[in-house]
Amino acid sequence: MTREDLIRSLVDKQRHMSYKVMCAAVKHMIELMVQELSSGKRIEVRGFGSFSVRCRAPRLARNPKTGERLQTAFKHAVHFKPGKELKERVNNAYKDVIQSYVAAK
């Protein structure tokens, strides 16, 4: 789902709000999330999951094309941890697929 898909879905469910207003609301929400993460804070959406910033230490990596060894820089990365409800719903959605896969082996 893209941001555009999200906005259109919200407009379809909330017919009293215009596309322009919903677009501004979604953009503002995403901007607030970026600001919070940029300042090192954590975002938690109950039932969905949490976003946090984690530090990645420098490490020795390898260029797969040339085999050359490279030193990566210290950096920060956004980490997402899914909530319990999200994990359960995803697992239940794929339960039939997993069972048929296990039965085929």
PDB file of N, CA and C in Angstrom:
ATOM      1  N   MET A   1       0.847  -1.175   0.000  1.00  0.00           N
ATOM      2  CA  MET A   1       0.000   0.000   0.000  1.00  0.00           C
ATOM      3  C   MET A   1       0.888   1.233   0.000  1.00  0.00           C
ATOM      4  N   THR A   2       0.606   2.138  -0.898  1.00  0.00           N
ATOM      5  CA  THR A   2       1.358   3.389  -0.966  1.00  0.00           C
ATOM      6  C   THR A   2       0.627   4.454  -0.156  1.00  0.00           C
ATOM      7  N   ARG A   3       1.264   5.602   0.004  1.00  0.00           N
ATOM      8  CA  ARG A   3       0.623   6.709   0.713  1.00  0.00           C
ATOM      9  C   ARG A   3      -0.653   7.127  -0.018  1.00  0.00           C
ATOM     10  N   GLU A   4      -0.596   7.134  -1.340  1.00  0.00           N
ATOM     11  CA  GLU A   4      -1.766   7.489  -2.155  1.00  0.00           C
ATOM     12  C   GLU A   4      -2.910   6.512  -1.916  1.00  0.00           C
ATOM     13  N   ASP A   5      -2.602   5.219  -1.860  1.00  0.00           N
ATOM     14  CA  ASP A   5      -3.625   4.201  -1.584  1.00  0.00           C
ATOM     15  C   ASP A   5      -4.243   4.413  -0.206  1.00  0.00           C
ATOM     16  N   LEU A   6      -3.410   4.715   0.769  1.00  0.00           N
ATOM     17  CA  LEU A   6      -3.886   4.966   2.125  1.00  0.00           C
ATOM     18  C   LEU A   6      -4.843   6.157   2.156  1.00  0.00           C
ATOM     19  N   ILE A   7      -4.462   7.232   1.504  1.00  0.00           N
ATOM     20  CA  ILE A   7      -5.301   8.433   1.482  1.00  0.00           C
ATOM     21  C   ILE A   7      -6.635   8.138   0.822  1.00  0.00           C
ATOM     22  N   ARG A   8      -6.606   7.464  -0.317  1.00  0.00           N
ATOM     23  CA  ARG A   8      -7.861   7.133  -1.024  1.00  0.00           C
ATOM     24  C   ARG A   8      -8.752   6.220  -0.184  1.00  0.00           C
ATOM     25  N   SER A   9      -8.169   5.271   0.503  1.00  0.00           N
ATOM     26  CA  SER A   9      -8.942   4.376   1.363  1.00  0.00           C
ATOM     27  C   SER A   9      -9.602   5.151   2.504  1.00  0.00           C
ATOM     28  N   LEU A  10      -8.856   6.070   3.109  1.00  0.00           N
ATOM     29  CA  LEU A  10      -9.418   6.882   4.189  1.00  0.00           C
ATOM     30  C   LEU A  10     -10.534   7.791   3.683  1.00  0.00           C
ATOM     31  N   VAL A  11     -10.362   8.372   2.505  1.00  0.00           N
ATOM     32  CA  VAL A  11     -11.396   9.241   1.923  1.00  0.00           C
ATOM     33  C   VAL A  11     -12.655   8.431   1.636  1.00  0.00           C
ATOM     34  N   ASP A  12     -12.488   7.195   1.158  1.00  0.00           N
ATOM     35  CA  ASP A  12     -13.644   6.338   0.883  1.00  0.00           C
ATOM     36  C   ASP A  12     -14.414   6.015   2.156  1.00  0.00           C
ATOM     37  N   LYS A  13     -13.713   5.842   3.275  1.00  0.00           N
ATOM     38  CA  LYS A  13     -14.371   5.516   4.546  1.00  0.00           C
ATOM     39  C   LYS A  13     -14.914   6.755   5.255  1.00  0.00           C
ATOM     40  N   GLN A  14     -14.289   7.893   5.042  1.00  0.00           N
ATOM     41  CA  GLN A  14     -14.709   9.144   5.689  1.00  0.00           C
ATOM     42  C   GLN A  14     -15.190  10.111   4.610  1.00  0.00           C
ATOM     43  N   ARG A  15     -16.344   9.871   4.075  1.00  0.00           N
ATOM     44  CA  ARG A  15     -16.855  10.633   2.928  1.00  0.00           C
ATOM     45  C   ARG A  15     -17.062  12.120   3.225  1.00  0.00           C
ATOM     46  N   HIS A  16     -17.182  12.484   4.495  1.00  0.00           N
ATOM     47  CA  HIS A  16     -17.383  13.898   4.849  1.00  0.00           C
ATOM     48  C   HIS A  16     -16.086  14.706   4.759  1.00  0.00           C
ATOM     49  N   MET A  17     -14.950  14.021   4.561  1.00  0.00           N
ATOM     50  CA  MET A  17     -13.666  14.726   4.450  1.00  0.00           C
ATOM     51  C   MET A  17     -13.196  14.690   3.002  1.00  0.00           C
ATOM     52  N   SER A  18     -12.680  15.796   2.545  1.00  0.00           N
ATOM     53  CA  SER A  18     -12.224  15.886   1.157  1.00  0.00           C
ATOM     54  C   SER A  18     -10.853  15.219   1.004  1.00  0.00           C
ATOM     55  N   TYR A  19     -10.502  14.902  -0.216  1.00  0.00           N
ATOM     56  CA  TYR A  19      -9.213  14.304  -0.523  1.00  0.00           C
ATOM     57  C   TYR A  19      -8.080  15.231  -0.095  1.00  0.00           C
ATOM     58  N   LYS A  20      -8.250  16.514  -0.354  1.00  0.00           N
ATOM     59  CA  LYS A  20      -7.220  17.498  -0.035  1.00  0.00           C
ATOM     60  C   LYS A  20      -6.947  17.557   1.473  1.00  0.00           C
ATOM     61  N   VAL A  21      -8.005  17.536   2.273  1.00  0.00           N
ATOM     62  CA  VAL A  21      -7.863  17.585   3.732  1.00  0.00           C
ATOM     63  C   VAL A  21      -7.206  16.298   4.242  1.00  0.00           C
ATOM     64  N   MET A  22      -7.653  15.158   3.713  1.00  0.00           N
ATOM     65  CA  MET A  22      -7.098  13.878   4.145  1.00  0.00           C
ATOM     66  C   MET A  22      -5.627  13.772   3.751  1.00  0.00           C
ATOM     67  N   CYS A  23      -5.289  14.256   2.565  1.00  0.00           N
ATOM     68  CA  CYS A  23      -3.900  14.248   2.100  1.00  0.00           C
ATOM     69  C   CYS A  23      -3.030  15.071   3.053  1.00  0.00           C
ATOM     70  N   ALA A  24      -3.497  16.229   3.430  1.00  0.00           N
ATOM     71  CA  ALA A  24      -2.745  17.084   4.355  1.00  0.00           C
ATOM     72  C   ALA A  24      -2.607  16.409   5.720  1.00  0.00           C
ATOM     73  N   ALA A  25      -3.662  15.733   6.184  1.00  0.00           N
ATOM     74  CA  ALA A  25      -3.622  15.061   7.488  1.00  0.00           C
ATOM     75  C   ALA A  25      -2.604  13.926   7.486  1.00  0.00           C
ATOM     76  N   VAL A  26      -2.606  13.110   6.444  1.00  0.00           N
ATOM     77  CA  VAL A  26      -1.662  11.988   6.361  1.00  0.00           C
ATOM     78  C   VAL A  26      -0.228  12.512   6.261  1.00  0.00           C
ATOM     79  N   LYS A  27      -0.004  13.522   5.427  1.00  0.00           N
ATOM     80  CA  LYS A  27       1.340  14.091   5.300  1.00  0.00           C
ATOM     81  C   LYS A  27       1.820  14.668   6.625  1.00  0.00           C
ATOM     82  N   HIS A  28       0.928  15.334   7.343  1.00  0.00           N
ATOM     83  CA  HIS A  28       1.276  15.920   8.637  1.00  0.00           C
ATOM     84  C   HIS A  28       1.607  14.817   9.650  1.00  0.00           C
ATOM     85  N   MET A  29       0.826  13.735   9.656  1.00  0.00           N
ATOM     86  CA  MET A  29       1.075  12.635  10.578  1.00  0.00           C
ATOM     87  C   MET A  29       2.441  12.004  10.307  1.00  0.00           C
ATOM     88  N   ILE A  30       2.755  11.788   9.043  1.00  0.00           N
ATOM     89  CA  ILE A  30       4.049  11.201   8.694  1.00  0.00           C
ATOM     90  C   ILE A  30       5.185  12.143   9.075  1.00  0.00           C
ATOM     91  N   GLU A  31       5.002  13.428   8.856  1.00  0.00           N
ATOM     92  CA  GLU A  31       6.022  14.417   9.228  1.00  0.00           C
ATOM     93  C   GLU A  31       6.250  14.419  10.741  1.00  0.00           C
ATOM     94  N   LEU A  32       5.179  14.308  11.526  1.00  0.00           N
ATOM     95  CA  LEU A  32       5.322  14.239  12.981  1.00  0.00           C
ATOM     96  C   LEU A  32       6.101  12.993  13.400  1.00  0.00           C
ATOM     97  N   MET A  33       5.836  11.883  12.734  1.00  0.00           N
ATOM     98  CA  MET A  33       6.553  10.646  13.047  1.00  0.00           C
ATOM     99  C   MET A  33       8.042  10.796  12.730  1.00  0.00           C
ATOM    100  N   VAL A  34       8.348  11.402  11.600  1.00  0.00           N
ATOM    101  CA  VAL A  34       9.747  11.619  11.209  1.00  0.00           C
ATOM    102  C   VAL A  34      10.438  12.530  12.226  1.00  0.00           C
ATOM    103  N   GLN A  35       9.762  13.584  12.656  1.00  0.00           N
ATOM    104  CA  GLN A  35      10.346  14.503  13.638  1.00  0.00           C
ATOM    105  C   GLN A  35      10.635  13.790  14.959  1.00  0.00           C
ATOM    106  N   GLU A  36       9.698  12.974  15.419  1.00  0.00           N
ATOM    107  CA  GLU A  36       9.883  12.255  16.682  1.00  0.00           C
ATOM    108  C   GLU A  36      11.075  11.299  16.585  1.00  0.00           C
ATOM    109  N   LEU A  37      11.136  10.533  15.498  1.00  0.00           N
ATOM    110  CA  LEU A  37      12.241   9.594  15.334  1.00  0.00           C
ATOM    111  C   LEU A  37      13.571  10.324  15.158  1.00  0.00           C
ATOM    112  N   SER A  38      13.550  11.451  14.459  1.00  0.00           N
ATOM    113  CA  SER A  38      14.775  12.236  14.258  1.00  0.00           C
ATOM    114  C   SER A  38      15.323  12.781  15.562  1.00  0.00           C
ATOM    115  N   SER A  39      14.438  13.037  16.521  1.00  0.00           N
ATOM    116  CA  SER A  39      14.898  13.548  17.815  1.00  0.00           C
ATOM    117  C   SER A  39      15.214  12.418  18.793  1.00  0.00           C
ATOM    118  N   GLY A  40      15.186  11.174  18.305  1.00  0.00           N
ATOM    119  CA  GLY A  40      15.569  10.037  19.144  1.00  0.00           C
ATOM    120  C   GLY A  40      14.450   9.465  19.983  1.00  0.00           C
ATOM    121  N   LYS A  41      13.237   9.922  19.768  1.00  0.00           N
ATOM    122  CA  LYS A  41      12.104   9.428  20.552  1.00  0.00           C
ATOM    123  C   LYS A  41      11.519   8.179  19.911  1.00  0.00           C
ATOM    124  N   ARG A  42      10.647   7.529  20.643  1.00  0.00           N
ATOM    125  CA  ARG A  42      10.016   6.276  20.237  1.00  0.00           C
ATOM    126  C   ARG A  42       8.551   6.535  19.909  1.00  0.00           C
ATOM    127  N   ILE A  43       8.015   5.805  18.939  1.00  0.00           N
ATOM    128  CA  ILE A  43       6.602   5.923  18.569  1.00  0.00           C
ATOM    129  C   ILE A  43       5.951   4.576  18.816  1.00  0.00           C
ATOM    130  N   GLU A  44       4.831   4.583  19.532  1.00  0.00           N
ATOM    131  CA  GLU A  44       4.109   3.345  19.801  1.00  0.00           C
ATOM    132  C   GLU A  44       2.659   3.510  19.372  1.00  0.00           C
ATOM    133  N   VAL A  45       2.202   2.592  18.523  1.00  0.00           N
ATOM    134  CA  VAL A  45       0.805   2.562  18.093  1.00  0.00           C
ATOM    135  C   VAL A  45       0.253   1.241  18.599  1.00  0.00           C
ATOM    136  N   ARG A  46      -0.579   1.298  19.633  1.00  0.00           N
ATOM    137  CA  ARG A  46      -1.107   0.091  20.275  1.00  0.00           C
ATOM    138  C   ARG A  46      -1.795  -0.814  19.255  1.00  0.00           C
ATOM    139  N   GLY A  47      -1.482  -2.106  19.317  1.00  0.00           N
ATOM    140  CA  GLY A  47      -2.076  -3.082  18.418  1.00  0.00           C
ATOM    141  C   GLY A  47      -1.372  -3.170  17.075  1.00  0.00           C
ATOM    142  N   PHE A  48      -0.583  -2.168  16.728  1.00  0.00           N
ATOM    143  CA  PHE A  48       0.128  -2.176  15.450  1.00  0.00           C
ATOM    144  C   PHE A  48       1.607  -2.459  15.653  1.00  0.00           C
ATOM    145  N   GLY A  49       2.271  -1.620  16.455  1.00  0.00           N
ATOM    146  CA  GLY A  49       3.685  -1.832  16.714  1.00  0.00           C
ATOM    147  C   GLY A  49       4.369  -0.564  17.172  1.00  0.00           C
ATOM    148  N   SER A  50       5.681  -0.643  17.278  1.00  0.00           N
ATOM    149  CA  SER A  50       6.445   0.513  17.731  1.00  0.00           C
ATOM    150  C   SER A  50       7.646   0.739  16.821  1.00  0.00           C
ATOM    151  N   PHE A  51       7.999   2.009  16.681  1.00  0.00           N
ATOM    152  CA  PHE A  51       9.149   2.432  15.906  1.00  0.00           C
ATOM    153  C   PHE A  51      10.156   3.031  16.874  1.00  0.00           C
ATOM    154  N   SER A  52      11.411   2.687  16.691  1.00  0.00           N
ATOM    155  CA  SER A  52      12.464   3.270  17.517  1.00  0.00           C
ATOM    156  C   SER A  52      13.718   3.406  16.663  1.00  0.00           C
ATOM    157  N   VAL A  53      14.673   4.161  17.184  1.00  0.00           N
ATOM    158  CA  VAL A  53      15.946   4.358  16.486  1.00  0.00           C
ATOM    159  C   VAL A  53      16.997   3.539  17.203  1.00  0.00           C
ATOM    160  N   ARG A  54      17.736   2.766  16.432  1.00  0.00           N
ATOM    161  CA  ARG A  54      18.815   1.956  16.993  1.00  0.00           C
ATOM    162  C   ARG A  54      20.134   2.369  16.355  1.00  0.00           C
ATOM    163  N   CYS A  55      21.191   2.254  17.141  1.00  0.00           N
ATOM    164  CA  CYS A  55      22.528   2.600  16.662  1.00  0.00           C
ATOM    165  C   CYS A  55      23.187   1.360  16.072  1.00  0.00           C
ATOM    166  N   ARG A  56      23.835   1.556  14.949  1.00  0.00           N
ATOM    167  CA  ARG A  56      24.601   0.470  14.325  1.00  0.00           C
ATOM    168  C   ARG A  56      26.075   0.852  14.358  1.00  0.00           C
ATOM    169  N   ALA A  57      26.838   0.020  14.988  1.00  0.00           N
ATOM    170  CA  ALA A  57      28.272   0.275  15.124  1.00  0.00           C
ATOM    171  C   ALA A  57      28.975   0.070  13.783  1.00  0.00           C
ATOM    172  N   PRO A  58      30.118   0.715  13.600  1.00  0.00           N
ATOM    173  CA  PRO A  58      30.883   0.482  12.374  1.00  0.00           C
ATOM    174  C   PRO A  58      31.306  -0.984  12.307  1.00  0.00           C
ATOM    175  N   ARG A  59      31.393  -1.513  11.107  1.00  0.00           N
ATOM    176  CA  ARG A  59      31.790  -2.910  10.956  1.00  0.00           C
ATOM    177  C   ARG A  59      32.569  -3.083   9.660  1.00  0.00           C
ATOM    178  N   LEU A  60      33.215  -4.201   9.546  1.00  0.00           N
ATOM    179  CA  LEU A  60      33.956  -4.539   8.347  1.00  0.00           C
ATOM    180  C   LEU A  60      33.013  -5.288   7.407  1.00  0.00           C
ATOM    181  N   ALA A  61      32.785  -4.743   6.220  1.00  0.00           N
ATOM    182  CA  ALA A  61      31.885  -5.344   5.236  1.00  0.00           C
ATOM    183  C   ALA A  61      32.692  -5.728   4.005  1.00  0.00           C
ATOM    184  N   ARG A  62      32.004  -6.376   3.066  1.00  0.00           N
ATOM    185  CA  ARG A  62      32.676  -6.811   1.852  1.00  0.00           C
ATOM    186  C   ARG A  62      31.807  -6.454   0.653  1.00  0.00           C
ATOM    187  N   ASN A  63      32.423  -5.878  -0.369  1.00  0.00           N
ATOM    188  CA  ASN A  63      31.726  -5.592  -1.613  1.00  0.00           C
ATOM    189  C   ASN A  63      31.547  -6.930  -2.340  1.00  0.00           C
ATOM    190  N   PRO A  64      30.287  -7.384  -2.556  1.00  0.00           N
ATOM    191  CA  PRO A  64      30.097  -8.706  -3.156  1.00  0.00           C
ATOM    192  C   PRO A  64      30.580  -8.801  -4.600  1.00  0.00           C
ATOM    193  N   LYS A  65      30.645  -7.681  -5.293  1.00  0.00           N
ATOM    194  CA  LYS A  65      31.062  -7.686  -6.697  1.00  0.00           C
ATOM    195  C   LYS A  65      32.580  -7.824  -6.839  1.00  0.00           C
ATOM    196  N   THR A  66      33.316  -7.076  -6.003  1.00  0.00           N
ATOM    197  CA  THR A  66      34.774  -7.064  -6.134  1.00  0.00           C
ATOM    198  C   THR A  66      35.489  -7.851  -5.045  1.00  0.00           C
ATOM    199  N   GLY A  67      34.784  -8.127  -3.949  1.00  0.00           N
ATOM    200  CA  GLY A  67      35.413  -8.815  -2.829  1.00  0.00           C
ATOM    201  C   GLY A  67      36.217  -7.884  -1.940  1.00  0.00           C
ATOM    202  N   GLU A  68      36.251  -6.597  -2.277  1.00  0.00           N
ATOM    203  CA  GLU A  68      37.019  -5.608  -1.511  1.00  0.00           C
ATOM    204  C   GLU A  68      36.410  -5.416  -0.120  1.00  0.00           C
ATOM    205  N   ARG A  69      37.274  -5.329   0.884  1.00  0.00           N
ATOM    206  CA  ARG A  69      36.816  -5.093   2.260  1.00  0.00           C
ATOM    207  C   ARG A  69      36.615  -3.596   2.473  1.00  0.00           C
ATOM    208  N   LEU A  70      35.488  -3.247   3.112  1.00  0.00           N
ATOM    209  CA  LEU A  70      35.147  -1.847   3.365  1.00  0.00           C
ATOM    210  C   LEU A  70      34.778  -1.664   4.821  1.00  0.00           C
ATOM    211  N   GLN A  71      35.090  -0.510   5.359  1.00  0.00           N
ATOM    212  CA  GLN A  71      34.691  -0.161   6.723  1.00  0.00           C
ATOM    213  C   GLN A  71      33.419   0.670   6.634  1.00  0.00           C
ATOM    214  N   THR A  72      32.320   0.194   7.243  1.00  0.00           N
ATOM    215  CA  THR A  72      31.078   0.971   7.230  1.00  0.00           C
ATOM    216  C   THR A  72      31.126   2.001   8.351  1.00  0.00           C
ATOM    217  N   ALA A  73      30.353   3.038   8.197  1.00  0.00           N
ATOM    218  CA  ALA A  73      30.318   4.116   9.185  1.00  0.00           C
ATOM    219  C   ALA A  73      29.304   3.806  10.288  1.00  0.00           C
ATOM    220  N   PHE A  74      29.475   4.469  11.426  1.00  0.00           N
ATOM    221  CA  PHE A  74      28.497   4.412  12.511  1.00  0.00           C
ATOM    222  C   PHE A  74      27.223   5.081  12.010  1.00  0.00           C
ATOM    223  N   LYS A  75      26.069   4.457  12.228  1.00  0.00           N
ATOM    224  CA  LYS A  75      24.835   5.073  11.761  1.00  0.00           C
ATOM    225  C   LYS A  75      23.662   4.695  12.647  1.00  0.00           C
ATOM    226  N   HIS A  76      22.598   5.430  12.457  1.00  0.00           N
ATOM    227  CA  HIS A  76      21.342   5.167  13.158  1.00  0.00           C
ATOM    228  C   HIS A  76      20.348   4.617  12.151  1.00  0.00           C
ATOM    229  N   ALA A  77      19.508   3.671  12.591  1.00  0.00           N
ATOM    230  CA  ALA A  77      18.517   3.067  11.713  1.00  0.00           C
ATOM    231  C   ALA A  77      17.191   2.957  12.446  1.00  0.00           C
ATOM    232  N   VAL A  78      16.111   3.079  11.706  1.00  0.00           N
ATOM    233  CA  VAL A  78      14.776   2.944  12.285  1.00  0.00           C
ATOM    234  C   VAL A  78      14.454   1.460  12.408  1.00  0.00           C
ATOM    235  N   HIS A  79      13.961   1.073  13.572  1.00  0.00           N
ATOM    236  CA  HIS A  79      13.586  -0.316  13.840  1.00  0.00           C
ATOM    237  C   HIS A  79      12.088  -0.373  14.107  1.00  0.00           C
ATOM    238  N   PHE A  80      11.411  -1.340  13.494  1.00  0.00           N
ATOM    239  CA  PHE A  80       9.979  -1.537  13.727  1.00  0.00           C
ATOM    240  C   PHE A  80       9.773  -2.867  14.417  1.00  0.00           C
ATOM    241  N   LYS A  81       9.029  -2.847  15.509  1.00  0.00           N
ATOM    242  CA  LYS A  81       8.683  -4.077  16.213  1.00  0.00           C
ATOM    243  C   LYS A  81       7.167  -4.213  16.153  1.00  0.00           C
ATOM    244  N   PRO A  82       6.654  -5.231  15.460  1.00  0.00           N
ATOM    245  CA  PRO A  82       5.198  -5.381  15.361  1.00  0.00           C
ATOM    246  C   PRO A  82       4.574  -5.698  16.710  1.00  0.00           C
ATOM    247  N   GLY A  83       3.359  -5.200  16.900  1.00  0.00           N
ATOM    248  CA  GLY A  83       2.618  -5.456  18.122  1.00  0.00           C
ATOM    249  C   GLY A  83       2.011  -6.849  18.114  1.00  0.00           C
ATOM    250  N   LYS A  84       1.539  -7.284  19.268  1.00  0.00           N
ATOM    251  CA  LYS A  84       0.981  -8.629  19.421  1.00  0.00           C
ATOM    252  C   LYS A  84      -0.208  -8.847  18.484  1.00  0.00           C
ATOM    253  N   GLU A  85      -1.117  -7.878  18.429  1.00  0.00           N
ATOM    254  CA  GLU A  85      -2.306  -8.021  17.589  1.00  0.00           C
ATOM    255  C   GLU A  85      -1.941  -8.132  16.105  1.00  0.00           C
ATOM    256  N   LEU A  86      -1.001  -7.324  15.653  1.00  0.00           N
ATOM    257  CA  LEU A  86      -0.574  -7.377  14.252  1.00  0.00           C
ATOM    258  C   LEU A  86       0.049  -8.737  13.935  1.00  0.00           C
ATOM    259  N   LYS A  87       0.918  -9.235  14.813  1.00  0.00           N
ATOM    260  CA  LYS A  87       1.548 -10.534  14.591  1.00  0.00           C
ATOM    261  C   LYS A  87       0.501 -11.643  14.515  1.00  0.00           C
ATOM    262  N   GLU A  88      -0.469 -11.614  15.421  1.00  0.00           N
ATOM    263  CA  GLU A  88      -1.509 -12.645  15.432  1.00  0.00           C
ATOM    264  C   GLU A  88      -2.359 -12.597  14.167  1.00  0.00           C
ATOM    265  N   ARG A  89      -2.744 -11.407  13.736  1.00  0.00           N
ATOM    266  CA  ARG A  89      -3.579 -11.289  12.534  1.00  0.00           C
ATOM    267  C   ARG A  89      -2.834 -11.744  11.283  1.00  0.00           C
ATOM    268  N   VAL A  90      -1.556 -11.409  11.187  1.00  0.00           N
ATOM    269  CA  VAL A  90      -0.761 -11.841  10.031  1.00  0.00           C
ATOM    270  C   VAL A  90      -0.593 -13.357  10.048  1.00  0.00           C
ATOM    271  N   ASN A  91      -0.277 -13.921  11.214  1.00  0.00           N
ATOM    272  CA  ASN A  91      -0.107 -15.374  11.316  1.00  0.00           C
ATOM    273  C   ASN A  91      -1.406 -16.109  11.002  1.00  0.00           C
ATOM    274  N   ASN A  92      -2.537 -15.593  11.473  1.00  0.00           N
ATOM    275  CA  ASN A  92      -3.824 -16.228  11.196  1.00  0.00           C
ATOM    276  C   ASN A  92      -4.178 -16.125   9.718  1.00  0.00           C
ATOM    277  N   ALA A  93      -3.804 -15.051   9.073  1.00  0.00           N
ATOM    278  CA  ALA A  93      -4.108 -14.874   7.653  1.00  0.00           C
ATOM    279  C   ALA A  93      -3.357 -15.897   6.810  1.00  0.00           C
ATOM    280  N   TYR A  94      -2.179 -16.293   7.241  1.00  0.00           N
ATOM    281  CA  TYR A  94      -1.363 -17.228   6.474  1.00  0.00           C
ATOM    282  C   TYR A  94      -1.381 -18.649   7.049  1.00  0.00           C
ATOM    283  N   LYS A  95      -2.247 -18.915   8.019  1.00  0.00           N
ATOM    284  CA  LYS A  95      -2.291 -20.220   8.672  1.00  0.00           C
ATOM    285  C   LYS A  95      -2.561 -21.336   7.666  1.00  0.00           C
ATOM    286  N   ASP A  96      -3.520 -21.151   6.750  1.00  0.00           N
ATOM    287  CA  ASP A  96      -3.852 -22.171   5.755  1.00  0.00           C
ATOM    288  C   ASP A  96      -2.673 -22.422   4.813  1.00  0.00           C
ATOM    289  N   VAL A  97      -1.989 -21.364   4.423  1.00  0.00           N
ATOM    290  CA  VAL A  97      -0.828 -21.497   3.532  1.00  0.00           C
ATOM    291  C   VAL A  97       0.267 -22.296   4.214  1.00  0.00           C
ATOM    292  N   ILE A  98       0.512 -22.003   5.470  1.00  0.00           N
ATOM    293  CA  ILE A  98       1.573 -22.693   6.212  1.00  0.00           C
ATOM    294  C   ILE A  98       1.212 -24.160   6.407  1.00  0.00           C
ATOM    295  N   GLN A  99      -0.050 -24.436   6.735  1.00  0.00           N
ATOM    296  CA  GLN A  99      -0.464 -25.821   6.942  1.00  0.00           C
ATOM    297  C   GLN A  99      -0.348 -26.636   5.657  1.00  0.00           C
ATOM    298  N   SER A 100      -0.708 -26.058   4.528  1.00  0.00           N
ATOM    299  CA  SER A 100      -0.593 -26.788   3.256  1.00  0.00           C
ATOM    300  C   SER A 100       0.878 -26.990   2.888  1.00  0.00           C
ATOM    301  N   TYR A 101       1.726 -26.047   3.237  1.00  0.00           N
ATOM    302  CA  TYR A 101       3.165 -26.175   2.975  1.00  0.00           C
ATOM    303  C   TYR A 101       3.750 -27.303   3.811  1.00  0.00           C
ATOM    304  N   VAL A 102       3.387 -27.357   5.091  1.00  0.00           N
ATOM    305  CA  VAL A 102       3.897 -28.390   5.993  1.00  0.00           C
ATOM    306  C   VAL A 102       3.366 -29.752   5.561  1.00  0.00           C
ATOM    307  N   ALA A 103       2.108 -29.826   5.145  1.00  0.00           N
ATOM    308  CA  ALA A 103       1.514 -31.100   4.734  1.00  0.00           C
ATOM    309  C   ALA A 103       2.175 -31.627   3.444  1.00  0.00           C
ATOM    310  N   ALA A 104       2.650 -30.732   2.589  1.00  0.00           N
ATOM    311  CA  ALA A 104       3.272 -31.143   1.325  1.00  0.00           C
ATOM    312  C   ALA A 104       4.652 -31.767   1.547  1.00  0.00           C
ATOM    313  N   LYS A 105       5.308 -31.434   2.638  1.00  0.00           N
ATOM    314  CA  LYS A 105       6.665 -31.964   2.907  1.00  0.00           C
ATOM    315  C   LYS A 105       6.638 -33.347   3.408  1.00  0.00           C
TER     316      LYS A 105
END
